N, C-alpha and C. Protein backbone atom coordinates (compact mmCIF):
# COMPACT_ATOMS: atom_id res chain seq x y z
N UNK A 1 126.48 -6.03 -118.11
CA UNK A 1 126.76 -4.75 -118.08
C UNK A 1 128.04 -4.71 -118.73
N UNK A 2 128.98 -5.92 -118.55
CA UNK A 2 130.13 -5.62 -119.21
C UNK A 2 130.02 -6.01 -120.97
N UNK A 3 129.06 -6.80 -121.11
CA UNK A 3 128.47 -6.55 -122.78
C UNK A 3 128.28 -5.58 -122.82
N UNK A 4 127.33 -4.74 -122.47
CA UNK A 4 126.95 -3.19 -123.27
C UNK A 4 128.22 -2.69 -123.13
N UNK A 5 128.89 -2.15 -122.29
CA UNK A 5 130.10 -1.69 -122.15
C UNK A 5 130.89 -2.22 -123.75
N UNK A 6 131.36 -3.32 -123.83
CA UNK A 6 131.99 -3.60 -124.78
C UNK A 6 130.99 -3.24 -126.09
N UNK A 7 129.87 -3.82 -125.94
CA UNK A 7 129.00 -3.16 -127.71
C UNK A 7 129.46 -1.60 -127.47
N UNK A 8 129.15 -0.81 -126.92
CA UNK A 8 129.16 0.67 -126.87
C UNK A 8 130.61 0.89 -127.65
N UNK A 9 131.85 0.64 -126.87
CA UNK A 9 132.79 0.65 -127.28
C UNK A 9 133.47 0.39 -128.73
N UNK A 10 133.07 -0.76 -129.00
CA UNK A 10 132.80 -1.10 -130.62
C UNK A 10 132.16 -0.77 -131.44
N UNK A 11 130.84 0.36 -131.40
CA UNK A 11 130.30 0.89 -132.41
C UNK A 11 130.80 2.49 -132.23
N UNK A 12 131.57 2.85 -131.31
CA UNK A 12 132.55 3.76 -131.28
C UNK A 12 133.66 3.78 -131.69
N UNK A 13 134.41 2.75 -131.68
CA UNK A 13 135.46 2.60 -132.88
C UNK A 13 135.42 2.58 -133.88
N UNK A 14 133.94 1.85 -134.62
CA UNK A 14 133.45 1.74 -135.74
C UNK A 14 132.97 3.04 -136.49
N UNK A 15 132.61 3.57 -135.60
CA UNK A 15 132.15 4.75 -136.07
C UNK A 15 133.10 6.06 -136.10
N UNK A 16 134.10 5.78 -135.47
CA UNK A 16 135.43 6.80 -135.93
C UNK A 16 136.20 6.55 -137.07
N UNK A 17 136.37 5.21 -136.95
CA UNK A 17 136.93 4.62 -138.27
C UNK A 17 136.44 5.05 -139.70
N UNK A 18 134.41 5.11 -139.65
CA UNK A 18 134.16 5.51 -140.86
C UNK A 18 134.16 6.77 -141.03
N UNK A 19 134.13 7.91 -139.85
CA UNK A 19 134.36 9.19 -139.91
C UNK A 19 135.47 9.75 -140.76
N UNK A 20 136.89 8.61 -140.45
CA UNK A 20 138.02 9.35 -140.71
C UNK A 20 138.20 8.66 -142.24
N UNK A 21 137.32 7.78 -142.41
CA UNK A 21 137.57 7.30 -144.06
C UNK A 21 136.69 8.27 -144.92
N UNK A 22 135.41 9.13 -143.84
CA UNK A 22 134.60 10.03 -145.13
C UNK A 22 135.65 11.25 -145.55
N UNK A 23 136.85 11.46 -144.70
CA UNK A 23 137.22 12.87 -144.68
C UNK A 23 138.05 13.45 -145.99
N UNK A 24 137.56 13.82 -146.66
CA UNK A 24 138.34 14.21 -148.02
C UNK A 24 139.39 14.64 -147.94
N UNK A 25 140.78 14.95 -149.00
CA UNK A 25 141.88 15.43 -148.65
C UNK A 25 141.38 16.75 -149.19
N UNK A 26 141.37 18.30 -149.10
CA UNK A 26 141.43 19.34 -149.95
C UNK A 26 142.47 19.61 -151.11
N UNK A 27 140.99 19.56 -152.24
CA UNK A 27 142.37 19.61 -153.42
C UNK A 27 142.38 20.98 -153.79
N UNK A 28 143.39 21.46 -154.25
CA UNK A 28 143.93 22.62 -155.39
C UNK A 28 142.96 23.18 -156.16
N UNK A 29 142.67 24.24 -156.83
CA UNK A 29 141.49 24.70 -157.24
C UNK A 29 142.07 24.64 -158.67
N UNK A 30 141.57 24.27 -160.00
CA UNK A 30 142.12 24.07 -161.12
C UNK A 30 142.36 25.73 -161.55
N UNK A 31 143.66 26.35 -162.19
CA UNK A 31 143.70 27.46 -162.90
C UNK A 31 143.30 27.71 -163.85
N UNK A 32 142.27 26.85 -164.83
CA UNK A 32 141.30 27.59 -165.48
C UNK A 32 140.72 28.65 -165.43
N UNK A 33 140.25 29.41 -166.68
CA UNK A 33 139.84 30.70 -166.43
C UNK A 33 138.54 30.45 -166.31
N UNK A 34 137.83 31.45 -165.43
CA UNK A 34 135.99 31.30 -165.36
C UNK A 34 135.97 32.50 -166.08
N UNK A 35 134.84 32.36 -167.31
CA UNK A 35 134.12 33.98 -167.62
C UNK A 35 133.10 33.20 -168.13
N UNK A 36 132.06 34.45 -168.47
CA UNK A 36 130.91 34.28 -169.23
C UNK A 36 131.21 35.10 -170.61
N UNK A 37 130.58 34.45 -171.65
CA UNK A 37 131.15 35.24 -172.89
C UNK A 37 129.89 35.67 -173.53
N UNK A 38 129.47 37.02 -173.93
CA UNK A 38 128.38 37.61 -174.42
C UNK A 38 128.51 38.05 -175.57
N UNK A 39 128.08 37.14 -176.82
CA UNK A 39 128.19 37.20 -178.34
C UNK A 39 127.01 37.90 -179.04
N UNK A 40 127.64 38.45 -180.28
CA UNK A 40 126.31 38.78 -181.30
C UNK A 40 126.66 37.69 -182.18
N UNK A 41 125.39 37.51 -183.33
CA UNK A 41 125.29 36.03 -183.69
C UNK A 41 125.00 36.50 -185.27
N UNK A 42 125.88 36.13 -185.87
CA UNK A 42 125.20 35.99 -187.41
C UNK A 42 124.75 34.76 -188.06
N UNK A 43 123.71 34.16 -188.59
CA UNK A 43 123.45 32.97 -188.89
C UNK A 43 123.21 33.00 -190.33
N UNK A 44 123.91 32.14 -191.37
CA UNK A 44 123.69 32.46 -192.75
C UNK A 44 122.69 31.15 -192.61
N UNK A 45 121.94 32.02 -193.15
CA UNK A 45 120.56 30.61 -193.62
C UNK A 45 119.96 31.22 -194.96
N UNK A 46 118.63 30.93 -195.51
CA UNK A 46 118.22 31.38 -196.22
C UNK A 46 117.84 33.11 -196.62
N UNK A 47 117.07 33.00 -195.08
CA UNK A 47 117.15 34.24 -194.88
C UNK A 47 117.93 34.98 -193.70
N UNK A 48 119.02 35.79 -193.74
CA UNK A 48 120.09 36.14 -192.54
C UNK A 48 119.53 36.17 -191.17
N UNK A 49 119.91 35.73 -190.24
CA UNK A 49 119.16 35.71 -188.77
C UNK A 49 120.41 36.69 -188.14
N UNK A 50 120.42 37.81 -187.36
CA UNK A 50 120.84 38.17 -186.18
C UNK A 50 120.54 37.92 -184.82
N UNK A 51 121.35 37.46 -183.94
CA UNK A 51 120.87 37.43 -182.66
C UNK A 51 122.10 37.66 -181.35
N UNK A 52 121.90 36.98 -180.54
CA UNK A 52 122.68 37.22 -179.26
C UNK A 52 122.97 35.98 -178.39
N UNK A 53 124.19 35.67 -178.14
CA UNK A 53 124.35 34.45 -177.13
C UNK A 53 125.00 34.71 -175.90
N UNK A 54 124.80 33.93 -174.98
CA UNK A 54 124.96 33.70 -173.54
C UNK A 54 125.78 32.45 -173.59
N UNK A 55 127.18 32.48 -172.93
CA UNK A 55 127.91 31.56 -173.04
C UNK A 55 128.71 31.09 -171.58
N UNK A 56 128.23 30.72 -170.36
CA UNK A 56 129.29 30.62 -169.31
C UNK A 56 130.01 29.59 -169.30
N UNK A 57 131.29 29.29 -168.55
CA UNK A 57 131.98 28.58 -168.59
C UNK A 57 131.66 28.11 -167.08
N UNK A 58 131.60 26.78 -166.74
CA UNK A 58 130.88 26.28 -165.49
C UNK A 58 131.88 26.76 -164.51
N UNK A 59 130.82 26.96 -162.97
CA UNK A 59 132.32 27.56 -162.01
C UNK A 59 131.74 26.58 -161.07
N UNK A 60 131.82 25.33 -161.24
CA UNK A 60 131.75 24.12 -160.45
C UNK A 60 133.22 23.72 -160.27
N UNK A 61 133.96 23.79 -159.64
CA UNK A 61 135.62 23.20 -159.97
C UNK A 61 135.44 21.53 -160.47
N UNK A 62 134.61 20.81 -159.95
CA UNK A 62 134.76 19.39 -160.27
C UNK A 62 134.41 19.47 -161.83
N UNK A 63 133.94 20.57 -162.37
CA UNK A 63 133.43 20.34 -164.04
C UNK A 63 133.72 21.70 -164.39
N UNK A 64 135.06 21.93 -164.32
CA UNK A 64 136.06 23.14 -164.86
C UNK A 64 135.99 23.48 -166.23
N UNK A 65 136.06 22.49 -166.99
CA UNK A 65 136.08 22.74 -168.69
C UNK A 65 134.57 22.42 -168.95
N UNK A 66 133.63 22.22 -168.62
CA UNK A 66 132.42 22.65 -168.94
C UNK A 66 131.69 23.61 -168.85
N UNK A 67 131.25 24.19 -169.42
CA UNK A 67 130.25 25.34 -170.16
C UNK A 67 128.71 24.89 -170.49
N UNK A 68 127.94 26.22 -170.73
CA UNK A 68 126.75 25.75 -171.64
C UNK A 68 126.55 27.21 -172.15
N UNK A 69 125.52 27.16 -172.99
CA UNK A 69 125.38 28.17 -173.94
C UNK A 69 123.87 28.57 -174.25
N UNK A 70 123.18 29.39 -174.61
CA UNK A 70 121.58 29.82 -174.77
C UNK A 70 121.80 30.68 -175.80
N UNK A 71 121.13 30.51 -176.96
CA UNK A 71 121.10 31.69 -177.71
C UNK A 71 120.16 31.98 -178.69
N UNK A 72 119.52 32.97 -179.17
CA UNK A 72 118.30 33.65 -179.71
C UNK A 72 118.78 34.27 -180.75
N UNK A 73 118.03 34.21 -182.14
CA UNK A 73 118.33 35.07 -183.36
C UNK A 73 117.24 34.92 -184.31
N UNK A 74 116.87 36.39 -185.06
CA UNK A 74 115.59 36.22 -185.93
C UNK A 74 116.08 36.99 -186.90
N UNK A 75 115.21 36.75 -187.66
CA UNK A 75 115.56 37.59 -189.17
C UNK A 75 114.89 38.65 -189.50
N UNK A 76 114.78 39.54 -190.22
CA UNK A 76 114.22 40.93 -190.49
C UNK A 76 113.16 40.44 -190.81
N UNK A 77 111.76 41.08 -190.69
CA UNK A 77 110.27 40.81 -191.69
C UNK A 77 110.81 41.06 -193.32
N UNK A 78 110.37 40.25 -193.56
CA UNK A 78 109.83 40.59 -195.28
C UNK A 78 108.73 40.70 -195.89
N UNK A 79 108.27 41.55 -196.10
CA UNK A 79 106.60 42.06 -196.38
C UNK A 79 106.89 41.88 -197.94
N UNK A 80 105.57 41.33 -198.44
CA UNK A 80 105.03 41.34 -200.06
C UNK A 80 103.92 41.05 -200.23
N UNK A 81 103.49 41.18 -201.42
CA UNK A 81 101.75 40.92 -201.98
C UNK A 81 101.67 39.53 -202.19
N UNK A 82 100.71 39.24 -202.00
CA UNK A 82 100.47 37.95 -203.28
C UNK A 82 98.76 38.28 -203.38
N UNK A 83 97.98 38.21 -204.72
CA UNK A 83 96.95 38.60 -205.02
C UNK A 83 96.56 40.07 -204.28
N UNK A 84 97.15 41.17 -204.25
CA UNK A 84 96.93 42.34 -203.38
C UNK A 84 96.40 42.25 -202.21
N UNK A 85 96.99 40.69 -201.46
CA UNK A 85 97.07 41.38 -200.08
C UNK A 85 98.47 40.81 -199.60
N UNK A 86 98.61 41.54 -198.47
CA UNK A 86 99.67 42.12 -197.87
C UNK A 86 100.54 40.54 -196.87
N UNK A 87 101.21 40.12 -197.18
CA UNK A 87 102.20 38.63 -196.33
C UNK A 87 103.17 39.38 -195.79
N UNK A 88 103.65 38.10 -194.74
CA UNK A 88 104.54 38.94 -193.80
C UNK A 88 105.47 37.82 -193.49
N UNK A 89 107.04 37.64 -193.67
CA UNK A 89 107.86 36.53 -193.11
C UNK A 89 108.23 36.62 -192.34
N UNK A 90 109.53 35.80 -191.72
CA UNK A 90 110.72 35.86 -190.95
C UNK A 90 110.47 34.40 -190.21
N UNK A 91 112.33 34.66 -189.88
CA UNK A 91 112.41 33.32 -189.32
C UNK A 91 112.78 33.98 -188.01
N UNK A 92 112.84 32.53 -187.02
CA UNK A 92 113.76 32.92 -185.65
C UNK A 92 114.01 31.35 -185.12
N UNK A 93 114.86 31.72 -184.60
CA UNK A 93 115.45 30.07 -184.16
C UNK A 93 116.27 30.25 -182.37
N UNK A 94 116.12 29.09 -181.60
CA UNK A 94 116.48 29.10 -180.35
C UNK A 94 117.83 28.20 -180.52
N UNK A 95 118.80 28.30 -179.40
CA UNK A 95 119.94 27.70 -179.57
C UNK A 95 120.08 27.38 -178.31
N UNK A 96 120.36 26.23 -177.87
CA UNK A 96 120.88 25.72 -176.25
C UNK A 96 122.09 24.56 -176.55
N UNK A 97 122.91 24.48 -175.59
CA UNK A 97 123.94 22.99 -175.20
C UNK A 97 124.88 23.56 -174.84
N UNK A 98 125.98 22.60 -174.61
CA UNK A 98 127.14 22.44 -173.79
C UNK A 98 128.35 22.96 -174.50
N UNK A 99 129.24 23.13 -173.87
CA UNK A 99 130.77 23.22 -174.29
C UNK A 99 132.19 22.45 -173.71
N UNK A 100 132.72 22.25 -174.57
CA UNK A 100 133.91 21.45 -173.37
C UNK A 100 135.12 22.21 -173.62
N UNK A 101 135.92 23.38 -173.04
CA UNK A 101 136.96 23.47 -173.17
C UNK A 101 138.29 22.75 -172.95
N UNK A 102 139.19 22.37 -174.26
CA UNK A 102 139.98 22.20 -174.54
C UNK A 102 141.43 22.29 -174.49
N UNK A 103 141.70 23.80 -173.92
CA UNK A 103 142.28 24.93 -173.48
C UNK A 103 141.92 25.81 -173.12
N UNK A 104 142.81 27.12 -172.14
CA UNK A 104 142.21 27.80 -171.50
C UNK A 104 141.26 28.97 -172.65
N UNK A 105 142.11 28.65 -173.80
CA UNK A 105 140.94 29.67 -174.76
C UNK A 105 140.28 28.60 -176.02
N UNK A 106 140.03 27.69 -176.06
CA UNK A 106 139.83 27.08 -177.33
C UNK A 106 138.91 25.75 -176.68
N UNK A 107 137.53 25.81 -177.09
CA UNK A 107 136.52 25.18 -176.45
C UNK A 107 135.56 24.56 -177.90
N UNK A 108 135.25 23.38 -177.59
CA UNK A 108 134.57 22.95 -178.58
C UNK A 108 132.57 23.10 -178.34
N UNK A 109 131.69 23.02 -179.03
CA UNK A 109 130.22 22.94 -178.41
C UNK A 109 129.15 22.11 -179.64
N UNK A 110 128.06 21.84 -178.52
CA UNK A 110 127.10 21.50 -179.63
C UNK A 110 126.03 21.16 -178.83
N UNK A 111 124.45 21.34 -179.85
CA UNK A 111 123.57 21.69 -178.93
C UNK A 111 122.32 21.18 -180.07
N UNK A 112 121.11 21.72 -179.62
CA UNK A 112 120.06 21.58 -180.02
C UNK A 112 119.55 22.96 -180.54
N UNK A 113 118.91 23.12 -181.55
CA UNK A 113 118.26 24.00 -182.70
C UNK A 113 116.49 24.04 -182.96
N UNK A 114 116.07 24.82 -182.46
CA UNK A 114 114.75 24.69 -182.66
C UNK A 114 114.72 26.28 -183.71
N UNK A 115 113.93 25.69 -185.01
CA UNK A 115 114.03 26.75 -185.63
C UNK A 115 112.29 26.83 -186.17
N UNK A 116 112.10 28.06 -186.49
CA UNK A 116 110.59 28.61 -186.72
C UNK A 116 110.64 29.52 -187.86
N UNK A 117 110.00 28.83 -189.15
CA UNK A 117 109.50 29.86 -190.23
C UNK A 117 108.14 30.38 -190.10
N UNK A 118 107.89 31.71 -189.92
CA UNK A 118 106.71 32.37 -189.38
C UNK A 118 106.38 32.83 -190.75
N UNK A 119 104.45 32.46 -191.52
CA UNK A 119 104.22 33.59 -192.37
C UNK A 119 102.80 33.70 -191.67
N UNK A 120 103.14 35.39 -192.32
CA UNK A 120 101.53 35.57 -192.02
C UNK A 120 101.18 36.46 -192.80
N UNK A 121 99.78 36.15 -193.64
CA UNK A 121 99.09 36.78 -194.60
C UNK A 121 97.57 37.43 -194.14
N UNK A 122 96.84 38.29 -194.76
CA UNK A 122 95.85 38.99 -194.70
C UNK A 122 94.78 38.20 -195.06
N UNK A 123 93.86 38.03 -194.40
CA UNK A 123 92.74 36.73 -194.88
C UNK A 123 92.02 37.73 -195.93
N UNK A 124 91.61 36.81 -196.98
CA UNK A 124 90.56 37.29 -197.73
C UNK A 124 89.06 38.25 -197.74
N UNK A 125 88.57 37.61 -196.73
CA UNK A 125 87.67 38.05 -196.20
C UNK A 125 87.47 38.63 -194.99
N UNK A 126 87.63 40.24 -194.98
CA UNK A 126 87.48 41.38 -193.86
C UNK A 126 85.78 41.58 -193.27
N UNK A 127 86.00 42.05 -191.58
CA UNK A 127 84.97 42.62 -191.47
C UNK A 127 84.74 43.74 -191.77
N UNK A 128 83.26 44.09 -192.19
CA UNK A 128 82.62 45.84 -192.62
C UNK A 128 82.49 46.18 -191.61
N UNK A 129 83.33 46.06 -190.31
CA UNK A 129 82.78 47.63 -189.27
C UNK A 129 83.87 48.24 -189.29
N UNK A 130 83.26 49.76 -189.41
CA UNK A 130 84.59 50.95 -188.80
C UNK A 130 85.26 50.90 -188.14
N UNK A 131 86.58 51.01 -188.12
CA UNK A 131 87.31 50.60 -186.72
C UNK A 131 88.04 49.26 -186.83
N UNK A 132 87.51 48.44 -187.51
CA UNK A 132 87.94 46.83 -186.98
C UNK A 132 89.26 46.57 -187.43
N UNK A 133 90.19 45.94 -186.66
CA UNK A 133 91.36 45.54 -187.42
C UNK A 133 91.13 44.86 -188.45
N UNK A 134 92.52 44.24 -189.26
CA UNK A 134 92.53 43.56 -190.37
C UNK A 134 92.36 42.09 -189.44
N UNK A 135 91.89 40.94 -190.16
CA UNK A 135 92.13 39.57 -189.65
C UNK A 135 93.51 39.29 -190.40
N UNK A 136 94.49 38.58 -189.66
CA UNK A 136 95.76 38.19 -189.92
C UNK A 136 95.47 36.69 -189.95
N UNK A 137 96.22 35.63 -190.72
CA UNK A 137 96.49 34.45 -190.49
C UNK A 137 97.51 34.41 -190.26
N UNK A 138 97.88 33.24 -189.34
CA UNK A 138 99.66 33.28 -189.03
C UNK A 138 99.82 30.98 -189.25
N UNK A 139 100.70 31.31 -189.95
CA UNK A 139 101.36 29.65 -189.65
C UNK A 139 102.59 29.43 -189.49
N UNK A 140 103.03 28.26 -188.96
CA UNK A 140 104.31 28.56 -188.23
C UNK A 140 104.62 27.08 -188.17
N UNK A 141 106.24 27.36 -189.26
CA UNK A 141 106.51 25.83 -189.50
C UNK A 141 107.95 25.50 -188.46
N UNK A 142 107.88 24.68 -187.85
CA UNK A 142 108.77 24.33 -186.83
C UNK A 142 109.85 23.14 -187.18
N UNK A 143 110.91 22.80 -186.88
CA UNK A 143 111.86 21.99 -186.81
C UNK A 143 113.11 22.08 -186.00
N UNK A 144 113.12 21.06 -185.44
CA UNK A 144 114.82 20.78 -184.63
C UNK A 144 115.49 20.17 -185.40
N UNK A 145 117.16 20.59 -184.93
CA UNK A 145 118.06 20.54 -185.67
C UNK A 145 119.24 20.40 -184.59
N UNK A 146 120.39 20.00 -184.97
CA UNK A 146 121.74 19.92 -184.02
C UNK A 146 122.39 20.96 -184.36
N UNK A 147 123.52 21.56 -183.51
CA UNK A 147 124.41 22.77 -184.22
C UNK A 147 125.88 22.10 -183.27
N UNK A 148 127.24 22.46 -184.27
CA UNK A 148 128.59 21.99 -183.51
C UNK A 148 129.40 22.84 -183.99
N UNK A 149 130.08 23.68 -182.97
CA UNK A 149 131.18 24.17 -183.58
C UNK A 149 132.67 24.37 -182.47
N UNK A 150 133.27 25.23 -183.02
CA UNK A 150 134.47 25.92 -182.19
C UNK A 150 134.61 27.54 -181.42
N UNK A 151 134.92 27.51 -180.03
CA UNK A 151 134.80 28.94 -180.06
C UNK A 151 136.68 29.60 -179.47
N UNK A 152 136.91 30.50 -179.74
CA UNK A 152 138.36 31.03 -179.49
C UNK A 152 137.75 32.08 -178.26
N UNK A 153 138.88 31.94 -176.98
CA UNK A 153 138.51 33.59 -176.76
C UNK A 153 139.99 33.97 -176.19
N UNK A 154 140.07 34.81 -176.50
CA UNK A 154 141.56 35.75 -176.49
C UNK A 154 141.93 36.50 -175.50
N UNK A 155 142.99 36.13 -174.98
CA UNK A 155 143.26 36.74 -173.79
C UNK A 155 142.93 38.00 -173.16
N UNK A 156 142.61 38.84 -174.31
CA UNK A 156 142.37 40.46 -174.32
C UNK A 156 141.35 40.76 -174.05
N UNK A 157 140.00 39.42 -173.88
CA UNK A 157 138.56 39.54 -173.75
C UNK A 157 138.12 39.25 -175.19
N UNK A 158 138.28 39.14 -176.35
CA UNK A 158 137.32 38.78 -177.35
C UNK A 158 136.93 37.52 -177.98
N UNK A 159 136.18 37.40 -177.94
CA UNK A 159 135.68 35.51 -178.33
C UNK A 159 134.68 35.80 -179.52
N UNK A 160 135.49 34.71 -180.44
CA UNK A 160 135.36 34.57 -181.67
C UNK A 160 134.73 32.61 -181.41
N UNK A 161 133.40 32.60 -182.34
CA UNK A 161 132.94 31.32 -182.25
C UNK A 161 132.44 30.82 -183.75
N UNK A 162 132.51 29.95 -184.56
CA UNK A 162 132.52 29.44 -185.58
C UNK A 162 131.79 27.77 -185.66
N UNK A 163 130.52 27.81 -186.41
CA UNK A 163 129.60 26.97 -186.06
C UNK A 163 128.74 26.31 -187.08
N UNK A 164 128.35 24.99 -187.22
CA UNK A 164 127.05 24.83 -188.32
C UNK A 164 125.91 24.58 -187.61
N UNK A 165 124.56 24.79 -188.20
CA UNK A 165 123.39 24.39 -187.65
C UNK A 165 122.64 23.49 -188.99
N UNK A 166 122.33 22.29 -188.60
CA UNK A 166 121.48 21.70 -189.45
C UNK A 166 120.14 21.99 -189.44
N UNK A 167 119.41 22.72 -188.53
CA UNK A 167 118.02 23.20 -188.76
C UNK A 167 118.30 24.23 -189.99
N UNK A 168 118.93 25.00 -190.39
CA UNK A 168 118.86 26.16 -191.18
C UNK A 168 120.28 25.75 -192.15
N UNK A 169 121.01 24.78 -191.91
CA UNK A 169 121.66 24.16 -193.13
C UNK A 169 122.47 25.16 -193.61
N UNK A 170 123.43 26.01 -192.68
CA UNK A 170 124.05 27.37 -192.88
C UNK A 170 125.08 27.42 -191.60
N UNK A 171 125.89 27.94 -191.85
CA UNK A 171 127.09 28.84 -190.91
C UNK A 171 126.48 29.70 -189.92
N UNK A 172 127.18 29.58 -188.76
CA UNK A 172 126.85 30.40 -187.47
C UNK A 172 128.18 31.10 -187.15
N UNK A 173 128.11 32.41 -186.75
CA UNK A 173 129.49 33.18 -186.81
C UNK A 173 129.38 33.86 -185.46
N UNK A 174 130.07 33.91 -184.53
CA UNK A 174 129.40 34.75 -183.39
C UNK A 174 131.03 35.57 -182.83
N UNK A 175 130.80 36.89 -182.33
CA UNK A 175 131.83 37.51 -181.76
C UNK A 175 131.07 38.25 -180.73
N UNK A 176 132.23 38.22 -179.70
CA UNK A 176 132.00 38.99 -178.63
C UNK A 176 132.92 39.18 -177.62
N UNK A 177 132.55 39.35 -176.31
CA UNK A 177 133.86 39.88 -175.04
C UNK A 177 133.15 38.55 -174.15
N UNK A 178 134.19 38.58 -173.15
CA UNK A 178 134.44 38.05 -172.01
C UNK A 178 134.76 38.73 -170.79
């Protein structure tokens, strides 16, 4: 009986010591401003593209310098004729990645770009049924690339970004607010 009491007392002592060791001191939250930027984009490519990007800074205090972004851009549809058949072409891209703040206002970003070149043309053979829509053939050329850039958030709410995309081999200019 004495051994059981000593065993229970020893286990209680070990358990209370491990509980004390696991208690973490409360840390002060960093003073880095947290925000979400909404930006309009201009992508300088063979055919200029316009789009939108959303870039939240991370709200986890353990990773206060980190953020991420997601963007989409598309060019205007270019219509032309080849051998008296209508053709249509446009480009679109999706971007996503991470950003890292070097200061309260200045951050670097980098990520992946999925670029698509879409070509549509009317088929030479069409159905001879009245009221039938013409048949269109569509070809999509896809390619992946990378991008990197800098972003500056002014204290009065304006955000400017400048980057380079290897998928479009061109610059990316973003302007928005946070």
